[in-house]
Amino acid sequence: MKPGSGEWRAPILFYLVLGLIVVSGTTGVVRSAFLYIEGATPVLESLGDLSIHRTYLAARAEAYRNNQILVIVFTAPWSEPCRAFEQSMLENPELHTYLRKVVILRIMDTDPAYRDFSRRADFAALRQGLPFVAVLDSRGNIRLATHDWKSPALIIRALETR
């Protein structure tokens, strides 16, 4: 490594991240660090003021750990109805209020998780099109699985029931 070449940055970044893992000892930091190093899908995105998970395991773990509902939004960037539903997540005040209290996971049609879910018998309706919304309790039991994204009241009812 030549001084001033910039080659030193990668090893130092690796040891810095590794040090954070050792010092913190938290699984959240470990997961985030490894995803950063591997260059994988980001763990969190945002939609307005909503935090959106992009990995099922991270979303499921958070929902279980905090005894929260998990909302899975199956979507595609090319789909106008999908974009309209995501907009309604922000613009419908009652739905938005509930969504701020739950864990949200976005699964795109190109994600490996999309293929995995579409093969499951309890998500068979997912094969019929997008957008598709699933509401799961903190233990992973399905409360709602629907294409009816234009009915926020239906989704809200599933979010209200504890």
C-alpha atoms as a PDB file:
ATOM      1  CA  MET A   1       0.000   0.000   0.000  1.00  0.00           C
ATOM      2  CA  LYS A   2       1.533   3.234  -1.124  1.00  0.00           C
ATOM      3  CA  PRO A   3       1.013   6.345   1.037  1.00  0.00           C
ATOM      4  CA  GLY A   4      -1.604   8.598  -0.526  1.00  0.00           C
ATOM      5  CA  SER A   5      -2.906   5.849  -2.843  1.00  0.00           C
ATOM      6  CA  GLY A   6      -6.146   5.326  -0.929  1.00  0.00           C
ATOM      7  CA  GLU A   7      -5.552   1.539  -0.762  1.00  0.00           C
ATOM      8  CA  TRP A   8      -5.533   1.717   3.034  1.00  0.00           C
ATOM      9  CA  ARG A   9      -9.216   2.686   3.231  1.00  0.00           C
ATOM     10  CA  ALA A  10     -10.791  -0.729   2.622  1.00  0.00           C
ATOM     11  CA  PRO A  11      -8.804  -2.638   5.312  1.00  0.00           C
ATOM     12  CA  ILE A  12      -9.308   0.144   7.837  1.00  0.00           C
ATOM     13  CA  LEU A  13     -13.031   0.308   7.077  1.00  0.00           C
ATOM     14  CA  PHE A  14     -13.244  -3.460   7.533  1.00  0.00           C
ATOM     15  CA  TYR A  15     -11.478  -3.362  10.912  1.00  0.00           C
ATOM     16  CA  LEU A  16     -13.518  -0.351  11.995  1.00  0.00           C
ATOM     17  CA  VAL A  17     -16.765  -2.194  11.224  1.00  0.00           C
ATOM     18  CA  LEU A  18     -15.410  -5.364  12.840  1.00  0.00           C
ATOM     19  CA  GLY A  19     -14.521  -3.310  15.927  1.00  0.00           C
ATOM     20  CA  LEU A  20     -18.066  -1.955  16.088  1.00  0.00           C
ATOM     21  CA  ILE A  21     -19.399  -5.490  15.984  1.00  0.00           C
ATOM     22  CA  VAL A  22     -17.134  -6.650  18.802  1.00  0.00           C
ATOM     23  CA  VAL A  23     -17.693  -3.557  20.959  1.00  0.00           C
ATOM     24  CA  SER A  24     -21.446  -3.307  20.506  1.00  0.00           C
ATOM     25  CA  GLY A  25     -22.331  -6.994  20.562  1.00  0.00           C
ATOM     26  CA  THR A  26     -25.777  -6.211  19.120  1.00  0.00           C
ATOM     27  CA  THR A  27     -27.284  -8.262  16.338  1.00  0.00           C
ATOM     28  CA  GLY A  28     -28.636  -5.125  14.654  1.00  0.00           C
ATOM     29  CA  VAL A  29     -25.157  -3.730  14.201  1.00  0.00           C
ATOM     30  CA  VAL A  30     -23.818  -7.109  13.140  1.00  0.00           C
ATOM     31  CA  ARG A  31     -26.526  -7.490  10.512  1.00  0.00           C
ATOM     32  CA  SER A  32     -26.076  -3.922   9.269  1.00  0.00           C
ATOM     33  CA  ALA A  33     -22.297  -4.246   9.164  1.00  0.00           C
ATOM     34  CA  PHE A  34     -22.321  -7.454   7.165  1.00  0.00           C
ATOM     35  CA  LEU A  35     -24.897  -6.118   4.742  1.00  0.00           C
ATOM     36  CA  TYR A  36     -22.731  -3.033   4.285  1.00  0.00           C
ATOM     37  CA  ILE A  37     -19.608  -5.112   3.677  1.00  0.00           C
ATOM     38  CA  GLU A  38     -21.366  -7.467   1.269  1.00  0.00           C
ATOM     39  CA  GLY A  39     -23.099  -4.618  -0.568  1.00  0.00           C
ATOM     40  CA  ALA A  40     -26.469  -6.362  -0.212  1.00  0.00           C
ATOM     41  CA  THR A  41     -29.926  -4.775  -0.271  1.00  0.00           C
ATOM     42  CA  PRO A  42     -30.133  -1.999   2.333  1.00  0.00           C
ATOM     43  CA  VAL A  43     -31.834  -3.048   5.539  1.00  0.00           C
ATOM     44  CA  LEU A  44     -34.059   0.043   5.742  1.00  0.00           C
ATOM     45  CA  GLU A  45     -35.514   2.494   3.269  1.00  0.00           C
ATOM     46  CA  SER A  46     -37.975   5.269   3.857  1.00  0.00           C
ATOM     47  CA  LEU A  47     -41.290   6.225   2.364  1.00  0.00           C
ATOM     48  CA  GLY A  48     -42.033   9.694   3.659  1.00  0.00           C
ATOM     49  CA  ASP A  49     -41.719   9.308   7.421  1.00  0.00           C
ATOM     50  CA  LEU A  50     -42.284   5.533   7.341  1.00  0.00           C
ATOM     51  CA  SER A  51     -39.351   3.150   7.815  1.00  0.00           C
ATOM     52  CA  ILE A  52     -39.521   0.296   5.338  1.00  0.00           C
ATOM     53  CA  HIS A  53     -37.549  -2.913   5.818  1.00  0.00           C
ATOM     54  CA  ARG A  54     -36.163  -4.613   2.740  1.00  0.00           C
ATOM     55  CA  THR A  55     -35.166  -7.959   4.251  1.00  0.00           C
ATOM     56  CA  TYR A  56     -37.696 -10.415   5.646  1.00  0.00           C
ATOM     57  CA  LEU A  57     -35.489 -11.723   8.447  1.00  0.00           C
ATOM     58  CA  ALA A  58     -34.765  -8.244   9.814  1.00  0.00           C
ATOM     59  CA  ALA A  59     -38.436  -7.219   9.638  1.00  0.00           C
ATOM     60  CA  ARG A  60     -39.671 -10.475  11.166  1.00  0.00           C
ATOM     61  CA  ALA A  61     -37.123 -10.277  13.995  1.00  0.00           C
ATOM     62  CA  GLU A  62     -38.095  -6.691  14.826  1.00  0.00           C
ATOM     63  CA  ALA A  63     -41.815  -7.514  14.819  1.00  0.00           C
ATOM     64  CA  TYR A  64     -41.250 -10.505  17.098  1.00  0.00           C
ATOM     65  CA  ARG A  65     -38.848  -8.701  19.431  1.00  0.00           C
ATOM     66  CA  ASN A  66     -41.148  -5.687  19.876  1.00  0.00           C
ATOM     67  CA  ASN A  67     -44.440  -7.623  19.763  1.00  0.00           C
ATOM     68  CA  GLN A  68     -45.539  -5.611  16.709  1.00  0.00           C
ATOM     69  CA  ILE A  69     -47.593  -6.358  13.646  1.00  0.00           C
ATOM     70  CA  LEU A  70     -45.720  -6.946  10.389  1.00  0.00           C
ATOM     71  CA  VAL A  71     -47.167  -5.491   7.186  1.00  0.00           C
ATOM     72  CA  ILE A  72     -45.696  -6.952   4.008  1.00  0.00           C
ATOM     73  CA  VAL A  73     -46.239  -4.924   0.846  1.00  0.00           C
ATOM     74  CA  PHE A  74     -45.525  -6.880  -2.322  1.00  0.00           C
ATOM     75  CA  THR A  75     -44.927  -4.370  -5.073  1.00  0.00           C
ATOM     76  CA  ALA A  76     -43.224  -3.563  -8.376  1.00  0.00           C
ATOM     77  CA  PRO A  77     -41.672  -0.249  -9.443  1.00  0.00           C
ATOM     78  CA  TRP A  78     -43.219  -0.504 -12.925  1.00  0.00           C
ATOM     79  CA  SER A  79     -46.775  -0.973 -11.604  1.00  0.00           C
ATOM     80  CA  GLU A  80     -49.039   2.078 -11.443  1.00  0.00           C
ATOM     81  CA  PRO A  81     -51.392   0.453  -8.866  1.00  0.00           C
ATOM     82  CA  CYS A  82     -48.356  -0.351  -6.669  1.00  0.00           C
ATOM     83  CA  ARG A  83     -47.177   3.254  -6.791  1.00  0.00           C
ATOM     84  CA  ALA A  84     -50.726   4.421  -6.044  1.00  0.00           C
ATOM     85  CA  PHE A  85     -50.943   2.139  -2.992  1.00  0.00           C
ATOM     86  CA  GLU A  86     -47.610   3.373  -1.644  1.00  0.00           C
ATOM     87  CA  GLN A  87     -48.848   6.941  -2.100  1.00  0.00           C
ATOM     88  CA  SER A  88     -52.043   6.093  -0.194  1.00  0.00           C
ATOM     89  CA  MET A  89     -49.876   4.769   2.660  1.00  0.00           C
ATOM     90  CA  LEU A  90     -48.771   8.372   3.126  1.00  0.00           C
ATOM     91  CA  GLU A  91     -51.892  10.285   2.114  1.00  0.00           C
ATOM     92  CA  ASN A  92     -54.614   8.362   3.966  1.00  0.00           C
ATOM     93  CA  PRO A  93     -54.351   9.862   7.484  1.00  0.00           C
ATOM     94  CA  GLU A  94     -55.911   6.942   9.352  1.00  0.00           C
ATOM     95  CA  LEU A  95     -53.920   4.274   7.513  1.00  0.00           C
ATOM     96  CA  HIS A  96     -50.736   6.324   7.863  1.00  0.00           C
ATOM     97  CA  THR A  97     -51.239   6.647  11.635  1.00  0.00           C
ATOM     98  CA  TYR A  98     -51.504   2.854  11.990  1.00  0.00           C
ATOM     99  CA  LEU A  99     -48.543   2.192   9.689  1.00  0.00           C
ATOM    100  CA  ARG A 100     -46.304   4.368  11.852  1.00  0.00           C
ATOM    101  CA  LYS A 101     -46.877   1.892  14.722  1.00  0.00           C
ATOM    102  CA  VAL A 102     -46.033  -1.356  12.884  1.00  0.00           C
ATOM    103  CA  VAL A 103     -43.103  -2.960  11.109  1.00  0.00           C
ATOM    104  CA  ILE A 104     -43.340  -2.606   7.328  1.00  0.00           C
ATOM    105  CA  LEU A 105     -41.566  -4.808   4.802  1.00  0.00           C
ATOM    106  CA  ARG A 106     -41.447  -4.033   1.071  1.00  0.00           C
ATOM    107  CA  ILE A 107     -40.833  -6.995  -1.222  1.00  0.00           C
ATOM    108  CA  MET A 108     -40.298  -6.152  -4.880  1.00  0.00           C
ATOM    109  CA  ASP A 109     -41.237  -8.521  -7.683  1.00  0.00           C
ATOM    110  CA  THR A 110     -37.520  -8.911  -8.464  1.00  0.00           C
ATOM    111  CA  ASP A 111     -36.506  -9.870  -4.895  1.00  0.00           C
ATOM    112  CA  PRO A 112     -35.747 -13.549  -4.175  1.00  0.00           C
ATOM    113  CA  ALA A 113     -38.200 -13.309  -1.246  1.00  0.00           C
ATOM    114  CA  TYR A 114     -41.018 -12.586  -3.730  1.00  0.00           C
ATOM    115  CA  ARG A 115     -40.423 -15.919  -5.431  1.00  0.00           C
ATOM    116  CA  ASP A 116     -40.200 -17.689  -2.055  1.00  0.00           C
ATOM    117  CA  PHE A 117     -43.492 -16.220  -0.794  1.00  0.00           C
ATOM    118  CA  SER A 118     -45.322 -16.871  -4.066  1.00  0.00           C
ATOM    119  CA  ARG A 119     -44.514 -20.601  -3.713  1.00  0.00           C
ATOM    120  CA  ARG A 120     -46.103 -20.811  -0.263  1.00  0.00           C
ATOM    121  CA  ALA A 121     -49.635 -22.231  -0.122  1.00  0.00           C
ATOM    122  CA  ASP A 122     -50.771 -19.539   2.336  1.00  0.00           C
ATOM    123  CA  PHE A 123     -49.647 -16.840  -0.133  1.00  0.00           C
ATOM    124  CA  ALA A 124     -51.052 -18.489  -3.285  1.00  0.00           C
ATOM    125  CA  ALA A 125     -53.129 -15.376  -4.071  1.00  0.00           C
ATOM    126  CA  LEU A 126     -49.878 -13.438  -4.517  1.00  0.00           C
ATOM    127  CA  ARG A 127     -49.516 -15.145  -7.917  1.00  0.00           C
ATOM    128  CA  GLN A 128     -52.635 -13.304  -9.128  1.00  0.00           C
ATOM    129  CA  GLY A 129     -50.965  -9.907  -9.289  1.00  0.00           C
ATOM    130  CA  LEU A 130     -49.702  -6.825  -7.502  1.00  0.00           C
ATOM    131  CA  PRO A 131     -49.936  -4.945  -5.255  1.00  0.00           C
ATOM    132  CA  PHE A 132     -50.535  -7.509  -2.555  1.00  0.00           C
ATOM    133  CA  VAL A 133     -50.680  -6.729   1.161  1.00  0.00           C
ATOM    134  CA  ALA A 134     -50.224  -9.190   4.007  1.00  0.00           C
ATOM    135  CA  VAL A 135     -50.684  -8.383   7.688  1.00  0.00           C
ATOM    136  CA  LEU A 136     -49.039 -10.775  10.148  1.00  0.00           C
ATOM    137  CA  ASP A 137     -49.095 -10.750  13.936  1.00  0.00           C
ATOM    138  CA  SER A 138     -45.837 -10.736  15.885  1.00  0.00           C
ATOM    139  CA  ARG A 139     -45.709 -14.554  15.786  1.00  0.00           C
ATOM    140  CA  GLY A 140     -46.081 -14.681  11.992  1.00  0.00           C
ATOM    141  CA  ASN A 141     -49.755 -15.697  11.839  1.00  0.00           C
ATOM    142  CA  ILE A 142     -51.554 -14.211   8.840  1.00  0.00           C
ATOM    143  CA  ARG A 143     -54.351 -11.771   9.735  1.00  0.00           C
ATOM    144  CA  LEU A 144     -54.936 -10.502   6.216  1.00  0.00           C
ATOM    145  CA  ALA A 145     -53.670 -11.319   2.721  1.00  0.00           C
ATOM    146  CA  THR A 146     -55.322  -9.228   0.028  1.00  0.00           C
ATOM    147  CA  HIS A 147     -55.145  -7.509  -3.341  1.00  0.00           C
ATOM    148  CA  ASP A 148     -57.778  -5.038  -2.116  1.00  0.00           C
ATOM    149  CA  TRP A 149     -55.353  -2.147  -1.598  1.00  0.00           C
ATOM    150  CA  LYS A 150     -58.074   0.389  -2.433  1.00  0.00           C
ATOM    151  CA  SER A 151     -59.843  -0.499   0.821  1.00  0.00           C
ATOM    152  CA  PRO A 152     -57.748   1.013   3.610  1.00  0.00           C
ATOM    153  CA  ALA A 153     -60.533   0.179   6.093  1.00  0.00           C
ATOM    154  CA  LEU A 154     -59.895  -3.528   5.500  1.00  0.00           C
ATOM    155  CA  ILE A 155     -56.189  -3.118   6.209  1.00  0.00           C
ATOM    156  CA  ILE A 156     -56.853  -0.912   9.231  1.00  0.00           C
ATOM    157  CA  ARG A 157     -59.182  -3.545  10.720  1.00  0.00           C
ATOM    158  CA  ALA A 158     -56.398  -6.114  10.463  1.00  0.00           C
ATOM    159  CA  LEU A 159     -53.998  -3.657  12.119  1.00  0.00           C
ATOM    160  CA  GLU A 160     -56.414  -2.837  14.954  1.00  0.00           C
ATOM    161  CA  THR A 161     -57.042  -6.400  16.091  1.00  0.00           C
ATOM    162  CA  ARG A 162     -54.492  -7.442  18.676  1.00  0.00           C
END
